[in-house]
Each structure stands twice: as structure tokens, then as C-alpha cells.
Protein backbone atom coordinates (compact mmCIF):
# COMPACT_ATOMS: atom_id res chain seq x y z
CA UNK A 1 29.70 -125.60 -23.67
CA UNK A 2 27.23 -128.42 -24.11
CA UNK A 3 23.50 -127.70 -23.64
CA UNK A 4 23.53 -129.94 -20.55
CA UNK A 5 26.38 -127.96 -19.00
CA UNK A 6 24.72 -124.64 -19.83
CA UNK A 7 21.49 -125.86 -18.23
CA UNK A 8 23.33 -126.94 -15.10
CA UNK A 9 25.11 -123.61 -14.85
CA UNK A 10 21.84 -121.70 -15.29
CA UNK A 11 20.14 -123.74 -12.56
CA UNK A 12 23.19 -123.31 -10.36
CA UNK A 13 22.88 -119.55 -10.89
CA UNK A 14 19.18 -119.55 -9.91
CA UNK A 15 20.04 -121.57 -6.82
CA UNK A 16 22.83 -119.09 -6.14
CA UNK A 17 20.28 -116.25 -6.12
CA UNK A 18 18.20 -118.18 -3.63
CA UNK A 19 21.35 -118.70 -1.55
CA UNK A 20 22.03 -114.98 -1.73
CA UNK A 21 18.56 -114.23 -0.32
CA UNK A 22 19.10 -116.73 2.51
CA UNK A 23 22.54 -115.25 3.13
CA UNK A 24 21.15 -111.71 3.36
CA UNK A 25 18.18 -112.66 5.52
CA UNK A 26 20.23 -114.60 8.07
CA UNK A 27 22.93 -111.92 8.10
CA UNK A 28 20.52 -109.11 8.95
CA UNK A 29 18.79 -111.28 11.54
CA UNK A 30 21.99 -112.24 13.35
CA UNK A 31 24.12 -109.11 12.92
CA UNK A 32 22.57 -107.25 15.90
CA UNK A 33 23.86 -110.03 18.20
CA UNK A 34 26.98 -111.29 16.41
CA UNK A 35 28.12 -108.26 14.44
CA UNK A 36 28.59 -108.03 10.71
CA UNK A 37 31.50 -110.48 10.61
CA UNK A 38 30.17 -113.09 13.02
CA UNK A 39 26.73 -112.84 11.47
CA UNK A 40 28.24 -113.41 8.03
CA UNK A 41 29.81 -116.68 9.15
CA UNK A 42 26.41 -117.97 10.30
CA UNK A 43 24.64 -116.66 7.20
CA UNK A 44 27.20 -118.31 4.95
CA UNK A 45 26.60 -121.71 6.61
CA UNK A 46 22.83 -121.25 6.24
CA UNK A 47 23.17 -120.30 2.57
CA UNK A 48 25.50 -123.23 1.86
CA UNK A 49 23.04 -125.66 3.46
CA UNK A 50 20.17 -124.23 1.46
CA UNK A 51 22.06 -124.35 -1.83
CA UNK A 52 23.20 -127.91 -1.15
CA UNK A 53 19.58 -129.05 -0.82
CA UNK A 54 18.46 -127.13 -3.91
CA UNK A 55 21.41 -128.23 -6.05
CA UNK A 56 21.04 -131.91 -5.17
CA UNK A 57 17.32 -131.74 -5.94
CA UNK A 58 17.34 -129.64 -9.11
CA UNK A 59 20.80 -128.86 -10.52
CA UNK A 60 22.70 -132.14 -10.18
CA UNK A 61 19.94 -134.62 -9.43
CA UNK A 62 21.53 -137.33 -11.62
CA UNK A 63 24.64 -137.40 -9.46
CA UNK A 64 23.13 -136.74 -6.03
CA UNK A 65 23.90 -139.22 -3.26
CA UNK A 66 26.16 -141.18 -5.57
CA UNK A 67 27.57 -143.00 -2.57
CA UNK A 68 24.36 -144.98 -2.24
CA UNK A 69 20.93 -144.61 -0.64
CA UNK A 70 20.31 -143.82 2.96
CA UNK A 71 21.02 -141.16 5.55
CA UNK A 72 24.73 -142.00 5.72
CA UNK A 73 25.33 -141.37 2.03
CA UNK A 74 23.35 -138.12 2.06
CA UNK A 75 25.23 -136.96 5.15
CA UNK A 76 28.58 -137.68 3.52
CA UNK A 77 27.44 -135.83 0.43
CA UNK A 78 26.46 -132.82 2.56
CA UNK A 79 29.88 -132.78 4.24
CA UNK A 80 31.63 -133.07 0.87
CA UNK A 81 29.56 -130.15 -0.37
CA UNK A 82 30.48 -127.95 2.58
CA UNK A 83 34.12 -128.94 2.19
CA UNK A 84 34.13 -128.30 -1.55
CA UNK A 85 32.76 -124.81 -0.98
CA UNK A 86 35.85 -123.75 0.98
CA UNK A 87 37.59 -122.35 -2.09
CA UNK A 88 34.55 -120.32 -3.03
CA UNK A 89 34.12 -119.31 0.60
CA UNK A 90 37.61 -117.80 0.70
CA UNK A 91 36.87 -115.76 -2.43
CA UNK A 92 33.39 -114.91 -1.19
CA UNK A 93 34.43 -113.74 2.28
CA UNK A 94 37.51 -111.97 0.90
CA UNK A 95 35.40 -109.95 -1.51
CA UNK A 96 32.92 -109.18 1.28
CA UNK A 97 35.68 -107.98 3.64
CA UNK A 98 37.31 -105.85 0.95
CA UNK A 99 33.96 -104.27 0.13
CA UNK A 100 33.37 -103.34 3.78
CA UNK A 101 36.88 -101.92 3.95
CA UNK A 102 36.54 -99.66 0.93
CA UNK A 103 32.78 -98.96 0.83
CA UNK A 104 30.91 -97.28 3.66
CA UNK A 105 27.28 -96.61 4.26
CA UNK A 106 24.11 -98.62 4.89
CA UNK A 107 24.37 -100.53 1.59
CA UNK A 108 27.97 -101.65 2.09
CA UNK A 109 27.13 -104.99 3.72
CA UNK A 110 24.54 -105.92 1.09
CA UNK A 111 26.92 -104.95 -1.72
CA UNK A 112 29.69 -107.03 -0.15
CA UNK A 113 27.42 -110.06 0.06
CA UNK A 114 26.43 -109.67 -3.61
CA UNK A 115 30.00 -109.24 -4.85
CA UNK A 116 31.23 -112.13 -2.71
CA UNK A 117 28.46 -114.40 -3.92
CA UNK A 118 29.12 -113.70 -7.60
CA UNK A 119 32.90 -114.04 -7.14
CA UNK A 120 32.61 -117.47 -5.53
CA UNK A 121 29.89 -118.77 -7.82
CA UNK A 122 32.08 -120.03 -10.66
CA UNK A 123 34.52 -121.76 -8.30
CA UNK A 124 31.64 -123.32 -6.41
CA UNK A 125 30.00 -124.58 -9.61
CA UNK A 126 33.14 -126.40 -10.69
CA UNK A 127 33.66 -127.86 -7.21
CA UNK A 128 30.04 -129.01 -6.87
CA UNK A 129 29.94 -130.54 -10.33
CA UNK A 130 33.29 -132.31 -10.15
CA UNK A 131 33.67 -133.21 -6.47
CA UNK A 132 30.20 -133.63 -4.98
CA UNK A 133 27.54 -134.43 -7.55
CA UNK A 134 29.70 -136.02 -10.21
CA UNK A 135 27.78 -138.80 -11.85
CA UNK A 136 29.75 -142.03 -11.65
CA UNK A 137 31.01 -143.27 -14.99
CA UNK A 138 29.94 -146.83 -15.76
CA UNK A 139 32.70 -149.35 -15.33
CA UNK A 140 33.89 -151.32 -18.31
CA UNK A 141 31.87 -154.53 -18.44
CA UNK A 142 33.59 -157.83 -19.10
CA UNK A 143 32.63 -159.52 -22.36
CA UNK A 144 32.81 -163.20 -23.17
CA UNK A 145 36.11 -164.17 -24.75
CA UNK A 146 34.17 -165.38 -27.81
CA UNK A 147 33.44 -161.70 -28.60
CA UNK A 148 37.14 -160.85 -28.97
CA UNK A 149 37.40 -159.65 -32.62
CA UNK A 150 39.37 -162.13 -34.71
CA UNK A 151 41.01 -159.31 -36.68
CA UNK A 152 42.45 -157.87 -33.45
CA UNK A 153 43.61 -161.28 -32.25
CA UNK A 154 45.36 -161.98 -35.55
CA UNK A 155 47.54 -158.88 -35.09
CA UNK A 156 48.92 -159.95 -31.71
CA UNK A 157 52.66 -160.39 -31.33
CA UNK A 158 52.88 -161.11 -27.62
CA UNK A 159 51.20 -162.35 -24.45
CA UNK A 160 51.81 -161.08 -20.93
CA UNK A 161 50.43 -163.28 -18.18
CA UNK A 162 50.21 -163.44 -14.42
CA UNK A 163 51.25 -166.74 -12.84
CA UNK A 164 49.37 -167.58 -9.63
CA UNK A 165 45.76 -168.61 -10.31
CA UNK A 166 46.16 -167.56 -13.95
CA UNK A 167 48.70 -170.07 -15.26
CA UNK A 168 48.61 -172.26 -12.17
CA UNK A 169 45.84 -174.23 -10.49
CA UNK A 170 46.26 -175.01 -6.79
CA UNK A 171 49.87 -173.85 -7.02
CA UNK A 172 50.88 -176.02 -10.00
CA UNK A 173 50.85 -175.37 -13.71
CA UNK A 174 48.47 -177.79 -15.38
CA UNK A 175 49.34 -179.74 -18.56
CA UNK A 176 46.90 -177.74 -20.68
CA UNK A 177 48.38 -174.42 -19.56
CA UNK A 178 51.95 -175.66 -20.11
CA UNK A 179 51.04 -176.90 -23.59
CA UNK A 180 49.38 -173.55 -24.31
CA UNK A 181 52.67 -171.77 -23.57
CA UNK A 182 54.52 -174.12 -25.92
CA UNK A 183 51.95 -173.71 -28.67
CA UNK A 184 52.15 -169.94 -28.52
CA UNK A 185 55.94 -169.99 -28.67
CA UNK A 186 55.84 -172.42 -31.59
CA UNK A 187 54.01 -169.90 -33.80
CA UNK A 188 56.31 -167.03 -32.87
CA UNK A 189 54.21 -165.30 -30.19
CA UNK A 190 56.33 -163.74 -27.42
CA UNK A 191 55.26 -164.99 -23.99
CA UNK A 192 56.33 -163.13 -20.84
CA UNK A 193 55.08 -163.93 -17.34
CA UNK A 194 54.83 -161.01 -14.89
CA UNK A 195 54.32 -161.95 -11.26
CA UNK A 196 54.51 -160.74 -7.70
CA UNK A 197 56.33 -163.95 -6.79
CA UNK A 198 60.01 -163.71 -5.78
CA UNK A 199 62.87 -164.12 -8.19
CA UNK A 200 64.17 -167.16 -6.29
CA UNK A 201 60.79 -168.91 -6.51
CA UNK A 202 60.61 -168.10 -10.24
CA UNK A 203 63.99 -169.52 -11.24
CA UNK A 204 63.00 -173.18 -11.85
CA UNK A 205 60.03 -172.09 -13.96
CA UNK A 206 62.13 -169.67 -16.00
CA UNK A 207 64.41 -172.63 -16.76
CA UNK A 208 61.71 -175.11 -17.72
CA UNK A 209 58.68 -173.24 -19.05
CA UNK A 210 58.56 -172.19 -22.73
CA UNK A 211 58.54 -168.45 -22.02
CA UNK A 212 60.75 -165.60 -23.18
CA UNK A 213 61.17 -164.26 -19.65
CA UNK A 214 59.66 -164.11 -16.20
CA UNK A 215 59.46 -160.64 -14.64
CA UNK A 216 59.28 -161.20 -10.89
CA UNK A 217 58.57 -159.13 -7.79
CA UNK A 218 56.07 -156.87 -9.57
CA UNK A 219 58.44 -155.63 -12.24
CA UNK A 220 61.67 -155.34 -10.25
CA UNK A 221 63.73 -158.18 -11.69
CA UNK A 222 63.62 -160.36 -14.81
CA UNK A 223 64.88 -163.86 -15.49
CA UNK A 224 65.91 -164.54 -19.08
CA UNK A 225 67.19 -167.91 -20.28
CA UNK A 226 70.13 -167.74 -22.67
CA UNK A 227 70.87 -170.02 -25.63
CA UNK A 228 73.01 -172.20 -23.34
CA UNK A 229 70.10 -172.63 -20.91
CA UNK A 230 71.69 -170.45 -18.24
CA UNK A 231 69.55 -167.83 -16.54
CA UNK A 232 70.50 -164.18 -16.46
CA UNK A 233 69.07 -161.76 -13.89
CA UNK A 234 68.20 -158.24 -14.96
CA UNK A 235 67.36 -155.60 -12.33
CA UNK A 236 65.65 -152.23 -12.60
CA UNK A 237 67.47 -150.88 -9.53
CA UNK A 238 71.21 -150.76 -8.97
CA UNK A 239 72.88 -152.84 -6.25
CA UNK A 240 73.27 -149.97 -3.77
CA UNK A 241 69.59 -149.07 -4.05
CA UNK A 242 68.50 -152.70 -3.70
CA UNK A 243 70.69 -153.19 -0.63
CA UNK A 244 69.37 -150.08 1.13
CA UNK A 245 65.77 -150.89 0.26
CA UNK A 246 66.11 -154.49 1.40
CA UNK A 247 67.21 -153.39 4.90
CA UNK A 248 64.30 -150.95 5.18
CA UNK A 249 61.80 -153.54 3.96
CA UNK A 250 62.92 -156.10 6.54
CA UNK A 251 62.16 -153.57 9.28
CA UNK A 252 58.68 -152.99 7.85
CA UNK A 253 58.11 -156.74 7.57
CA UNK A 254 59.00 -157.24 11.23
CA UNK A 255 56.71 -154.39 12.23
CA UNK A 256 53.77 -155.86 10.29
CA UNK A 257 54.19 -159.24 11.97
CA UNK A 258 54.39 -157.54 15.36
CA UNK A 259 51.48 -155.13 14.94
CA UNK A 260 48.90 -156.87 12.71
CA UNK A 261 47.41 -159.91 14.45
CA UNK A 262 47.71 -163.04 12.32
CA UNK A 263 49.98 -161.45 9.70
CA UNK A 264 52.84 -163.70 8.62
CA UNK A 265 55.47 -163.31 5.93
CA UNK A 266 54.91 -165.43 2.82
CA UNK A 267 56.66 -168.78 2.83
CA UNK A 268 58.58 -167.79 -0.32
CA UNK A 269 60.12 -164.76 1.40
CA UNK A 270 63.63 -166.23 1.41
CA UNK A 271 63.74 -165.84 -2.37
CA UNK A 272 62.75 -162.17 -2.39
CA UNK A 273 65.28 -159.49 -3.22
CA UNK A 274 63.27 -156.36 -4.09
CA UNK A 275 59.99 -156.64 -2.16
CA UNK A 276 58.27 -158.20 0.84
CA UNK A 277 55.10 -160.26 0.95
CA UNK A 278 52.49 -161.13 3.55
CA UNK A 279 50.45 -164.29 3.02
CA UNK A 280 46.70 -163.71 3.04
CA UNK A 281 45.28 -166.74 1.20
CA UNK A 282 48.01 -169.24 0.34
CA UNK A 283 48.71 -170.88 3.70
CA UNK A 284 47.29 -168.20 6.03
CA UNK A 285 43.80 -166.74 5.84
CA UNK A 286 43.48 -163.03 6.64
CA UNK A 287 40.24 -161.07 6.83
CA UNK A 288 39.60 -158.03 4.64
CA UNK A 289 40.25 -155.84 7.69
CA UNK A 290 43.62 -157.50 8.31
CA UNK A 291 44.58 -157.13 4.66
CA UNK A 292 43.62 -153.46 4.76
CA UNK A 293 45.70 -152.98 7.91
CA UNK A 294 48.77 -154.49 6.24
CA UNK A 295 48.32 -152.33 3.13
CA UNK A 296 47.89 -149.20 5.28
CA UNK A 297 51.03 -149.96 7.27
CA UNK A 298 53.08 -150.52 4.11
CA UNK A 299 51.81 -147.31 2.55
CA UNK A 300 52.41 -145.46 5.80
CA UNK A 301 56.06 -146.49 5.51
CA UNK A 302 56.21 -144.98 2.03
CA UNK A 303 55.97 -148.30 0.18
CA UNK A 304 53.92 -149.26 -2.84
CA UNK A 305 51.45 -152.00 -1.89
CA UNK A 306 49.30 -154.33 -3.95
CA UNK A 307 47.11 -157.35 -3.23
CA UNK A 308 47.31 -160.48 -5.36
CA UNK A 309 45.17 -163.58 -5.11
CA UNK A 310 47.45 -164.96 -2.37
CA UNK A 311 49.82 -162.26 -1.09
CA UNK A 312 50.09 -158.61 -0.09
CA UNK A 313 53.25 -157.23 -1.72
CA UNK A 314 55.13 -154.10 -0.75
CA UNK A 315 58.22 -152.45 -2.22
CA UNK A 316 60.22 -149.26 -2.62
CA UNK A 317 60.72 -147.88 -6.11
CA UNK A 318 58.70 -146.79 -9.11
CA UNK A 319 58.40 -150.22 -10.72
CA UNK A 320 55.14 -152.14 -11.07
CA UNK A 321 53.77 -154.70 -13.51
CA UNK A 322 53.21 -152.15 -16.28
CA UNK A 323 56.63 -150.54 -15.90
CA UNK A 324 58.13 -154.03 -15.76
CA UNK A 325 56.40 -154.88 -19.04
CA UNK A 326 57.72 -151.73 -20.71
CA UNK A 327 61.20 -152.40 -19.37
CA UNK A 328 61.46 -156.05 -20.45
CA UNK A 329 60.15 -155.36 -23.97
CA UNK A 330 62.82 -152.68 -24.30
CA UNK A 331 65.58 -154.83 -22.76
CA UNK A 332 64.71 -158.13 -24.37
CA UNK A 333 63.18 -157.19 -27.71
CA UNK A 334 64.65 -153.73 -28.29
CA UNK A 335 61.18 -152.26 -28.88
CA UNK A 336 58.90 -149.71 -27.26
CA UNK A 337 55.83 -151.33 -25.74
CA UNK A 338 53.66 -148.22 -25.84
CA UNK A 339 54.09 -148.03 -29.61
CA UNK A 340 52.67 -151.53 -30.03
CA UNK A 341 50.52 -152.06 -26.95
CA UNK A 342 47.50 -152.92 -29.12
CA UNK A 343 49.46 -155.95 -30.34
CA UNK A 344 49.84 -157.47 -26.86
CA UNK A 345 47.32 -159.14 -24.59
CA UNK A 346 47.44 -159.37 -20.79
CA UNK A 347 45.88 -162.24 -18.85
CA UNK A 348 45.31 -162.03 -15.09
CA UNK A 349 43.03 -162.83 -12.20
CA UNK A 350 43.16 -160.37 -9.29
CA UNK A 351 43.51 -156.85 -7.92
CA UNK A 352 47.23 -156.56 -8.59
CA UNK A 353 46.46 -157.03 -12.30
CA UNK A 354 44.13 -154.07 -12.67
CA UNK A 355 46.88 -151.65 -13.71
CA UNK A 356 47.42 -153.97 -16.69
CA UNK A 357 43.68 -154.38 -17.27
CA UNK A 358 43.42 -150.60 -17.55
CA UNK A 359 46.48 -150.21 -19.78
CA UNK A 360 45.79 -152.91 -22.37
CA UNK A 361 42.91 -152.82 -24.84
CA UNK A 362 43.30 -156.59 -25.05
CA UNK A 363 42.99 -157.57 -21.39
CA UNK A 364 41.51 -160.84 -20.20
CA UNK A 365 40.52 -162.20 -16.84
CA UNK A 366 40.32 -165.92 -16.22
CA UNK A 367 36.94 -166.89 -14.78
CA UNK A 368 38.09 -166.97 -11.14
CA UNK A 369 38.49 -163.20 -11.31
CA UNK A 370 34.85 -163.16 -10.19
CA UNK A 371 36.12 -163.22 -6.60
CA UNK A 372 37.69 -159.79 -7.03
CA UNK A 373 35.20 -158.06 -9.34
CA UNK A 374 33.42 -156.18 -6.50
CA UNK A 375 36.66 -154.44 -5.48
CA UNK A 376 38.24 -153.90 -8.90
CA UNK A 377 38.29 -150.33 -10.16
CA UNK A 378 39.39 -151.51 -13.60
CA UNK A 379 37.97 -154.69 -15.08
CA UNK A 380 39.48 -156.70 -17.94
CA UNK A 381 37.75 -156.33 -21.28
CA UNK A 382 37.13 -160.05 -21.71
CA UNK A 383 36.65 -163.04 -19.42
CA UNK A 384 37.17 -166.74 -20.06
CA UNK A 385 34.77 -169.56 -19.28
CA UNK A 386 37.50 -171.63 -17.65
CA UNK A 387 39.26 -170.84 -14.40
CA UNK A 388 42.98 -170.56 -13.78
CA UNK A 389 45.14 -172.67 -16.12
CA UNK A 390 42.14 -173.84 -18.12
CA UNK A 391 41.23 -170.20 -18.70
CA UNK A 392 44.73 -169.38 -19.94
CA UNK A 393 44.58 -172.37 -22.31
CA UNK A 394 41.29 -170.96 -23.61
CA UNK A 395 43.03 -167.67 -24.39
CA UNK A 396 45.85 -169.48 -26.19
CA UNK A 397 43.38 -171.39 -28.35
CA UNK A 398 41.74 -168.12 -29.37
CA UNK A 399 45.11 -166.62 -30.34
CA UNK A 400 46.14 -169.71 -32.28
CA UNK A 401 42.79 -169.97 -34.08
CA UNK A 402 43.18 -166.46 -35.47
CA UNK A 403 46.61 -167.08 -37.02
């Protein structure tokens, strides 16, 4: 064990002794009125409250009230502490009851308290350290794209990119972003777009953009252009599964529109085969509370749900952007993505990209990601100066400059 952990455990033990004294004192004060069992319940609560205060002040002071300052945060911490002690309480009270059952005499109750306290101490230490007073780990901070090591960039073989507000600006791909795609392809870099947009919406872009494939509907279906220019659709789910899921999703979509005020299906819904989408920022503006209500309803129906820069997407199945990336590299290139993930970069802009931000060492947010930074659990490693398509073009220039 590290010296810090040993010190915490020692302080936790000292606090435990103090809790034992509180436990005994309250027990013997209340037992004449409540009995040995009822009195023990009260004494346990008193001891837990005392040890919470002592542990937050002395044992785990660095992680105390991690939810923020104020009475509310401290109160929530106190409730988490009491809740986290339940496992230790079961061991504690069980040992106490067994002691009273097998040991008789005036010292039986005190012995039971001591044995119960020691038995629960280790479980309580782990619970307090990991669940209540755990010091928050610092989030990855975004670095300027200029700090991306040239040696790492030179090794890249492929680029994954989101579409909306990453490649596109105000719904349209700009000339600089389109040229960036062509320039990357010209030097042999694989370019695959992964989007929450529907497969029907994606078809004209898969035909005309210089990309290897577009993986649509958050990893469910891919569009690949053949040598003759014809598009082929590749699905992760079989037809029977897609048909059954589609019927269920339409029921959920109707329920959302009926139950969440202002919620409307995305205008591209006619082209969707494997998911549903609610518009929150493209043509309809929803509040954070409305977005949360839609997500909760989808998840309550057993769906996966994610929020992009414009839509709330929901689907049945185990696919997502990362699984879609693994799948298309295997299907299209005959390779295993996880074996070469450090040779790919992902570019995105919103909350539904954070799975990719977490998975890829080379992850980049275009500058407009700033809108979502406060709610992102996983930030990209680098950020561009330019927004949207201009930001993607900035990434392409960096890749090309290193070759």
C-alpha cells in the first residue's frame, strides 16, 4: 500500500475508535428505554454521523464535499456516506447479533459492539474512500492543435470524422472542407465519416464526397461506393431484427411527441432505418430540460440515447460510433481497428462524439465544441482554432504537413 493509503487507513481506524465510543455511549443511554436491539439502531446512526464528520474533516479532507460548496453538497455527501455504510452495517449488526446469541453476561453487549465495529471497518473504509470522499480526477484538458506531435501525425493511416458542425457549416459542406477530404484521399489516407444522420440523408454525400465510406445512424449502417460508382449498404443487424426494432422505435417516437411538449421528430426521419431522432437545434429549439426528458423516455424504453449538436438519437442494439468504426475497418479494410487505433484520428464537435474522444489518443474537437465542454465527461485531446468545416480543414493541413 502507498504511504498515503496507509495514512488514510490509520486515520480511519482512529475515527473508528471514536465511533465505537459514541456507539457504546448512546447504546447504554438508550437501552433502558429501547432495549438492546432498538438502542443499537439509534447508537449506530449516532456513530455513523460522528464518523462522517470526523472522516470528512481529517481522513479524506481532499475529497470532502466534492459535489461543490454549500449546504446542499454537504447534505448529499452525508446521505451518500450513510448509504455507503449499509454494507458495513449489515456485517456490523450481524456480528453484534451473533455475539449476543452465543455470549451471555454483562459484557456481551460491549463485546458485540466491538466485534461488529471491527468487522465492518474494512468494508466501510473501502466504501467511504471510493464512493463518498473520492477525489475527482482532473479531466483531460484540450491542447492547441499546434501541439500535436508531428511524429504521431506522420504515422496516421486514417481519419474518422463526424459530419454535422464538423465537416459542415450551417448544414452545408464548405469548399475548404471538401478540398480537405480530397487532399487526404490523394495521399492515401483513409477517410470515413461516422454520423448520427440517417442512411437516406447520407446517400448523396456518399456518392459525391471523396470518402471511403459513410457510417450512418450511429454505427448501424454503412454506405460504400463501388468502382462503378454504385452504393452498397452494409448493416450490422439482420433484416428481421431491423424490422422488429423499427416498429418498436416508431411507437417510442409517437410517445415522445405526445408526452414531451415541443418535441418533434427530425425532418430527416423518413430516411432513417435503424434509429429515431428528435430535433433539438436544427429547426426546433428545445431547452435542456426538454432534451433530458426525451433522453430519459428513450432510455426508459430500453433504448440507447445520445445527443448530437442538432438531434437526440435513440436506437435498439449494441452499435454506436466506436463499434461502427471497428466494424467498418474490419468490413472495408480487412483490419482490426484496436490493433492500430493509434494510427487513426477522430474529429468531432459534440456530446455524441465523446465515446470516440475517450477511445482515440488522437482525438480533435473543432472550435465550436466549446458549446458542449461544460457537459462533456470526455474531452478531445486537441482543439482547432477554426470552427466547423474550417476546423476540419485545419486538421487536414496538419496531417498533410507531416507526410
